[in-house]
Amino acid sequence: MSEPAPEEPPARAPSARIHERVPVDAEVTLRRSGKLKFRVRVYDISPDGCRAEFVERPELHERVWIRFEGMHSLEATICWIAGSKTGMRFVQPIHDAVFEHLLKRLGG
């Protein structure tokens, strides 16, 4: 039997990844340009980006703003889309100390 296809394409080659993704299960607020904000589920995160599930499919390379509770909104770009899951890259990576604090709050 052949192996099933991966759930999502990688945002970039694993060897080029600066930070490893950390699994989380969190709901965050997301806003698309010119639209109302809504809640989405985030499945993993790194200081550079995250993987989330959208109800309304975004466009590839679309700019969005994601807000984790207790933080300012982070501007991000949609890097890949696979079904309802998307990969987002933050325009400005999260500072290491802020990222560690966020992980503690998210339980990652």
N, C-alpha and C. Protein backbone atom coordinates (compact mmCIF):
# COMPACT_ATOMS: atom_id res chain seq x y z
N MET A 1 0.83 -1.17 0.00
CA MET A 1 0.00 0.00 0.00
C MET A 1 0.88 1.24 0.00
N SER A 2 0.45 2.25 -0.71
CA SER A 2 1.23 3.49 -0.73
C SER A 2 0.85 4.38 0.44
N GLU A 3 1.78 5.26 0.80
CA GLU A 3 1.53 6.18 1.91
C GLU A 3 0.54 7.25 1.47
N PRO A 4 -0.33 7.73 2.40
CA PRO A 4 -1.25 8.81 2.04
C PRO A 4 -0.48 10.09 1.77
N ALA A 5 -1.07 10.94 0.94
CA ALA A 5 -0.45 12.23 0.64
C ALA A 5 -0.41 13.07 1.90
N PRO A 6 0.62 13.93 2.05
CA PRO A 6 0.69 14.80 3.23
C PRO A 6 -0.53 15.71 3.29
N GLU A 7 -0.91 16.10 4.51
CA GLU A 7 -2.10 16.93 4.70
C GLU A 7 -1.96 18.29 4.05
N GLU A 8 -0.77 18.88 4.09
CA GLU A 8 -0.57 20.19 3.48
C GLU A 8 0.82 20.26 2.90
N PRO A 9 0.99 21.08 1.87
CA PRO A 9 2.34 21.24 1.33
C PRO A 9 3.17 22.05 2.30
N PRO A 10 4.48 21.79 2.38
CA PRO A 10 5.31 22.57 3.29
C PRO A 10 5.42 24.01 2.82
N ALA A 11 5.48 24.95 3.76
CA ALA A 11 5.65 26.36 3.43
C ALA A 11 7.00 26.57 2.76
N ARG A 12 7.96 25.77 3.16
CA ARG A 12 9.30 25.76 2.54
C ARG A 12 9.94 24.44 2.91
N ALA A 13 11.03 24.12 2.28
CA ALA A 13 11.69 22.85 2.53
C ALA A 13 12.06 22.75 4.01
N PRO A 14 11.83 21.58 4.65
CA PRO A 14 12.13 21.44 6.07
C PRO A 14 13.55 21.84 6.44
N SER A 15 14.51 21.58 5.57
CA SER A 15 15.89 21.94 5.91
C SER A 15 16.09 23.45 5.95
N ALA A 16 15.21 24.20 5.28
CA ALA A 16 15.34 25.66 5.26
C ALA A 16 14.56 26.31 6.39
N ARG A 17 13.78 25.52 7.14
CA ARG A 17 12.96 26.07 8.21
C ARG A 17 13.85 26.62 9.31
N ILE A 18 13.61 27.86 9.70
CA ILE A 18 14.40 28.51 10.74
C ILE A 18 14.00 27.98 12.11
N HIS A 19 12.70 27.86 12.35
CA HIS A 19 12.18 27.39 13.63
C HIS A 19 11.24 26.21 13.39
N GLU A 20 11.26 25.27 14.29
CA GLU A 20 10.33 24.15 14.23
C GLU A 20 8.93 24.62 14.63
N ARG A 21 7.92 24.02 14.03
CA ARG A 21 6.55 24.32 14.42
C ARG A 21 6.22 23.57 15.72
N VAL A 22 5.46 24.22 16.58
CA VAL A 22 5.04 23.63 17.84
C VAL A 22 3.53 23.37 17.76
N PRO A 23 3.09 22.13 17.99
CA PRO A 23 1.65 21.86 17.94
C PRO A 23 0.91 22.61 19.04
N VAL A 24 -0.20 23.22 18.69
CA VAL A 24 -1.09 23.89 19.64
C VAL A 24 -2.52 23.64 19.19
N ASP A 25 -3.45 23.93 20.03
CA ASP A 25 -4.87 23.87 19.69
C ASP A 25 -5.49 25.11 20.31
N ALA A 26 -5.63 26.16 19.50
CA ALA A 26 -6.08 27.44 20.03
C ALA A 26 -7.03 28.12 19.05
N GLU A 27 -7.92 28.94 19.58
CA GLU A 27 -8.76 29.79 18.75
C GLU A 27 -8.21 31.20 18.83
N VAL A 28 -8.10 31.85 17.68
CA VAL A 28 -7.58 33.20 17.60
C VAL A 28 -8.52 34.05 16.76
N THR A 29 -8.32 35.35 16.82
CA THR A 29 -9.10 36.26 16.00
C THR A 29 -8.33 36.56 14.73
N LEU A 30 -9.00 36.51 13.60
CA LEU A 30 -8.35 36.78 12.33
C LEU A 30 -9.17 37.80 11.56
N ARG A 31 -8.49 38.69 10.85
CA ARG A 31 -9.18 39.67 10.01
C ARG A 31 -8.54 39.67 8.64
N ARG A 32 -9.39 39.60 7.64
CA ARG A 32 -8.95 39.74 6.25
C ARG A 32 -9.17 41.19 5.85
N SER A 33 -8.37 41.69 4.94
CA SER A 33 -8.46 43.08 4.51
C SER A 33 -9.87 43.41 4.03
N GLY A 34 -10.43 44.46 4.61
CA GLY A 34 -11.77 44.91 4.21
C GLY A 34 -12.91 44.06 4.70
N LYS A 35 -12.65 43.12 5.60
CA LYS A 35 -13.70 42.22 6.09
C LYS A 35 -13.75 42.28 7.61
N LEU A 36 -14.83 41.75 8.16
CA LEU A 36 -14.98 41.67 9.61
C LEU A 36 -14.07 40.59 10.17
N LYS A 37 -13.70 40.74 11.43
CA LYS A 37 -12.86 39.72 12.06
C LYS A 37 -13.72 38.52 12.45
N PHE A 38 -13.07 37.36 12.55
CA PHE A 38 -13.75 36.13 12.93
C PHE A 38 -12.75 35.22 13.63
N ARG A 39 -13.25 34.14 14.22
CA ARG A 39 -12.41 33.21 14.97
C ARG A 39 -11.97 32.06 14.06
N VAL A 40 -10.71 31.65 14.20
CA VAL A 40 -10.18 30.49 13.48
C VAL A 40 -9.39 29.63 14.47
N ARG A 41 -9.22 28.37 14.13
CA ARG A 41 -8.45 27.46 14.96
C ARG A 41 -7.03 27.39 14.42
N VAL A 42 -6.05 27.47 15.33
CA VAL A 42 -4.64 27.36 14.98
C VAL A 42 -4.15 26.00 15.47
N TYR A 43 -3.41 25.29 14.60
CA TYR A 43 -2.95 23.93 14.91
C TYR A 43 -1.48 23.85 15.24
N ASP A 44 -0.69 24.75 14.71
CA ASP A 44 0.72 24.80 15.09
C ASP A 44 1.24 26.21 14.86
N ILE A 45 2.38 26.50 15.50
CA ILE A 45 2.91 27.85 15.43
C ILE A 45 4.43 27.80 15.57
N SER A 46 5.08 28.76 14.97
CA SER A 46 6.51 29.01 15.15
C SER A 46 6.65 30.52 15.22
N PRO A 47 7.80 31.04 15.56
CA PRO A 47 7.95 32.49 15.56
C PRO A 47 7.73 33.12 14.17
N ASP A 48 7.81 32.29 13.12
CA ASP A 48 7.67 32.78 11.75
C ASP A 48 6.27 32.68 11.17
N GLY A 49 5.41 31.84 11.74
CA GLY A 49 4.09 31.67 11.16
C GLY A 49 3.28 30.61 11.87
N CYS A 50 2.15 30.24 11.26
CA CYS A 50 1.28 29.24 11.87
C CYS A 50 0.43 28.57 10.81
N ARG A 51 -0.24 27.49 11.23
CA ARG A 51 -1.19 26.77 10.38
C ARG A 51 -2.56 26.91 11.02
N ALA A 52 -3.53 27.32 10.23
CA ALA A 52 -4.87 27.57 10.75
C ALA A 52 -5.92 26.98 9.82
N GLU A 53 -7.14 26.88 10.33
CA GLU A 53 -8.26 26.39 9.54
C GLU A 53 -9.23 27.54 9.29
N PHE A 54 -9.54 27.77 8.03
CA PHE A 54 -10.47 28.84 7.65
C PHE A 54 -11.82 28.24 7.28
N VAL A 55 -12.89 28.98 7.56
CA VAL A 55 -14.22 28.60 7.08
C VAL A 55 -14.38 29.16 5.67
N GLU A 56 -14.00 30.41 5.49
CA GLU A 56 -14.06 31.08 4.18
C GLU A 56 -12.65 31.08 3.60
N ARG A 57 -12.46 30.37 2.52
CA ARG A 57 -11.12 30.18 1.92
C ARG A 57 -10.48 31.51 1.52
N PRO A 58 -9.25 31.77 2.00
CA PRO A 58 -8.53 32.99 1.61
C PRO A 58 -7.86 32.79 0.26
N GLU A 59 -7.26 33.83 -0.24
CA GLU A 59 -6.48 33.77 -1.48
C GLU A 59 -5.01 33.54 -1.14
N LEU A 60 -4.32 32.84 -2.00
CA LEU A 60 -2.89 32.65 -1.85
C LEU A 60 -2.21 34.02 -1.89
N HIS A 61 -1.28 34.27 -1.00
CA HIS A 61 -0.53 35.53 -0.87
C HIS A 61 -1.36 36.68 -0.28
N GLU A 62 -2.58 36.38 0.16
CA GLU A 62 -3.43 37.41 0.78
C GLU A 62 -2.83 37.84 2.11
N ARG A 63 -2.96 39.12 2.43
CA ARG A 63 -2.52 39.64 3.74
C ARG A 63 -3.68 39.50 4.71
N VAL A 64 -3.37 39.03 5.92
CA VAL A 64 -4.35 38.88 6.99
C VAL A 64 -3.72 39.39 8.28
N TRP A 65 -4.56 39.61 9.28
CA TRP A 65 -4.08 40.03 10.60
C TRP A 65 -4.63 39.04 11.61
N ILE A 66 -3.71 38.41 12.36
CA ILE A 66 -4.08 37.39 13.32
C ILE A 66 -3.75 37.90 14.72
N ARG A 67 -4.67 37.66 15.64
CA ARG A 67 -4.48 38.17 17.00
C ARG A 67 -4.67 37.05 18.01
N PHE A 68 -3.57 36.77 18.71
CA PHE A 68 -3.62 35.83 19.83
C PHE A 68 -4.02 36.63 21.06
N GLU A 69 -4.86 36.06 21.90
CA GLU A 69 -5.34 36.78 23.08
C GLU A 69 -4.17 37.35 23.88
N GLY A 70 -4.28 38.63 24.25
CA GLY A 70 -3.27 39.29 25.04
C GLY A 70 -2.12 39.87 24.23
N MET A 71 -2.20 39.78 22.89
CA MET A 71 -1.14 40.31 22.03
C MET A 71 -1.73 41.28 21.01
N HIS A 72 -0.87 42.08 20.43
CA HIS A 72 -1.28 42.92 19.31
C HIS A 72 -1.46 42.03 18.09
N SER A 73 -2.21 42.51 17.12
CA SER A 73 -2.39 41.76 15.87
C SER A 73 -1.07 41.62 15.12
N LEU A 74 -0.88 40.46 14.52
CA LEU A 74 0.30 40.19 13.71
C LEU A 74 -0.11 40.14 12.24
N GLU A 75 0.56 40.90 11.41
CA GLU A 75 0.29 40.84 9.97
C GLU A 75 0.94 39.58 9.42
N ALA A 76 0.22 38.88 8.55
CA ALA A 76 0.72 37.64 7.98
C ALA A 76 0.31 37.53 6.51
N THR A 77 0.98 36.65 5.80
CA THR A 77 0.68 36.37 4.40
C THR A 77 0.33 34.89 4.27
N ILE A 78 -0.71 34.58 3.50
CA ILE A 78 -1.09 33.20 3.25
C ILE A 78 -0.05 32.59 2.31
N CYS A 79 0.62 31.53 2.77
CA CYS A 79 1.71 30.89 2.00
C CYS A 79 1.22 29.68 1.21
N TRP A 80 0.28 28.94 1.77
CA TRP A 80 -0.26 27.77 1.11
C TRP A 80 -1.67 27.51 1.59
N ILE A 81 -2.43 26.79 0.76
CA ILE A 81 -3.81 26.43 1.07
C ILE A 81 -3.99 24.97 0.68
N ALA A 82 -4.55 24.19 1.59
CA ALA A 82 -4.86 22.78 1.32
C ALA A 82 -6.20 22.49 1.98
N GLY A 83 -7.26 22.46 1.19
CA GLY A 83 -8.59 22.28 1.75
C GLY A 83 -8.95 23.48 2.60
N SER A 84 -9.33 23.23 3.85
CA SER A 84 -9.69 24.34 4.75
C SER A 84 -8.49 24.82 5.57
N LYS A 85 -7.35 24.14 5.44
CA LYS A 85 -6.15 24.53 6.21
C LYS A 85 -5.28 25.49 5.39
N THR A 86 -4.65 26.41 6.09
CA THR A 86 -3.77 27.39 5.43
C THR A 86 -2.49 27.55 6.25
N GLY A 87 -1.44 27.89 5.58
CA GLY A 87 -0.19 28.24 6.23
C GLY A 87 0.00 29.74 6.11
N MET A 88 0.35 30.37 7.22
CA MET A 88 0.57 31.82 7.24
C MET A 88 1.98 32.11 7.70
N ARG A 89 2.61 33.06 7.06
CA ARG A 89 3.94 33.52 7.48
C ARG A 89 3.78 34.94 8.02
N PHE A 90 4.26 35.16 9.24
CA PHE A 90 4.19 36.49 9.84
C PHE A 90 5.14 37.43 9.11
N VAL A 91 4.69 38.66 8.88
CA VAL A 91 5.52 39.67 8.22
C VAL A 91 6.74 39.96 9.09
N GLN A 92 6.52 40.10 10.40
CA GLN A 92 7.60 40.27 11.37
C GLN A 92 7.54 39.08 12.33
N PRO A 93 8.61 38.28 12.40
CA PRO A 93 8.60 37.13 13.32
C PRO A 93 8.35 37.58 14.76
N ILE A 94 7.78 36.67 15.54
CA ILE A 94 7.54 36.93 16.96
C ILE A 94 8.87 36.83 17.69
N HIS A 95 9.17 37.81 18.54
CA HIS A 95 10.39 37.80 19.34
C HIS A 95 10.43 36.54 20.19
N ASP A 96 11.61 35.96 20.37
CA ASP A 96 11.75 34.69 21.09
C ASP A 96 11.11 34.70 22.48
N ALA A 97 11.33 35.76 23.26
CA ALA A 97 10.76 35.83 24.61
C ALA A 97 9.23 35.91 24.56
N VAL A 98 8.70 36.66 23.62
CA VAL A 98 7.24 36.78 23.46
C VAL A 98 6.68 35.43 23.01
N PHE A 99 7.40 34.75 22.11
CA PHE A 99 6.96 33.45 21.62
C PHE A 99 6.91 32.43 22.76
N GLU A 100 7.92 32.39 23.59
CA GLU A 100 7.93 31.46 24.73
C GLU A 100 6.76 31.73 25.66
N HIS A 101 6.47 33.00 25.91
CA HIS A 101 5.33 33.38 26.77
C HIS A 101 4.02 32.94 26.12
N LEU A 102 3.90 33.15 24.81
CA LEU A 102 2.69 32.75 24.09
C LEU A 102 2.52 31.24 24.17
N LEU A 103 3.57 30.46 23.98
CA LEU A 103 3.47 29.02 24.07
C LEU A 103 2.99 28.55 25.43
N LYS A 104 3.46 29.18 26.49
CA LYS A 104 3.01 28.82 27.83
C LYS A 104 1.51 29.05 27.96
N ARG A 105 1.02 30.17 27.41
CA ARG A 105 -0.41 30.46 27.49
C ARG A 105 -1.24 29.52 26.63
N LEU A 106 -0.68 29.09 25.49
CA LEU A 106 -1.41 28.19 24.58
C LEU A 106 -1.28 26.72 24.97
N GLY A 107 -0.34 26.44 25.87
CA GLY A 107 -0.14 25.06 26.30
C GLY A 107 0.66 24.24 25.31
N GLY A 108 1.46 24.91 24.44
CA GLY A 108 2.25 24.19 23.43
C GLY A 108 3.59 23.77 23.96
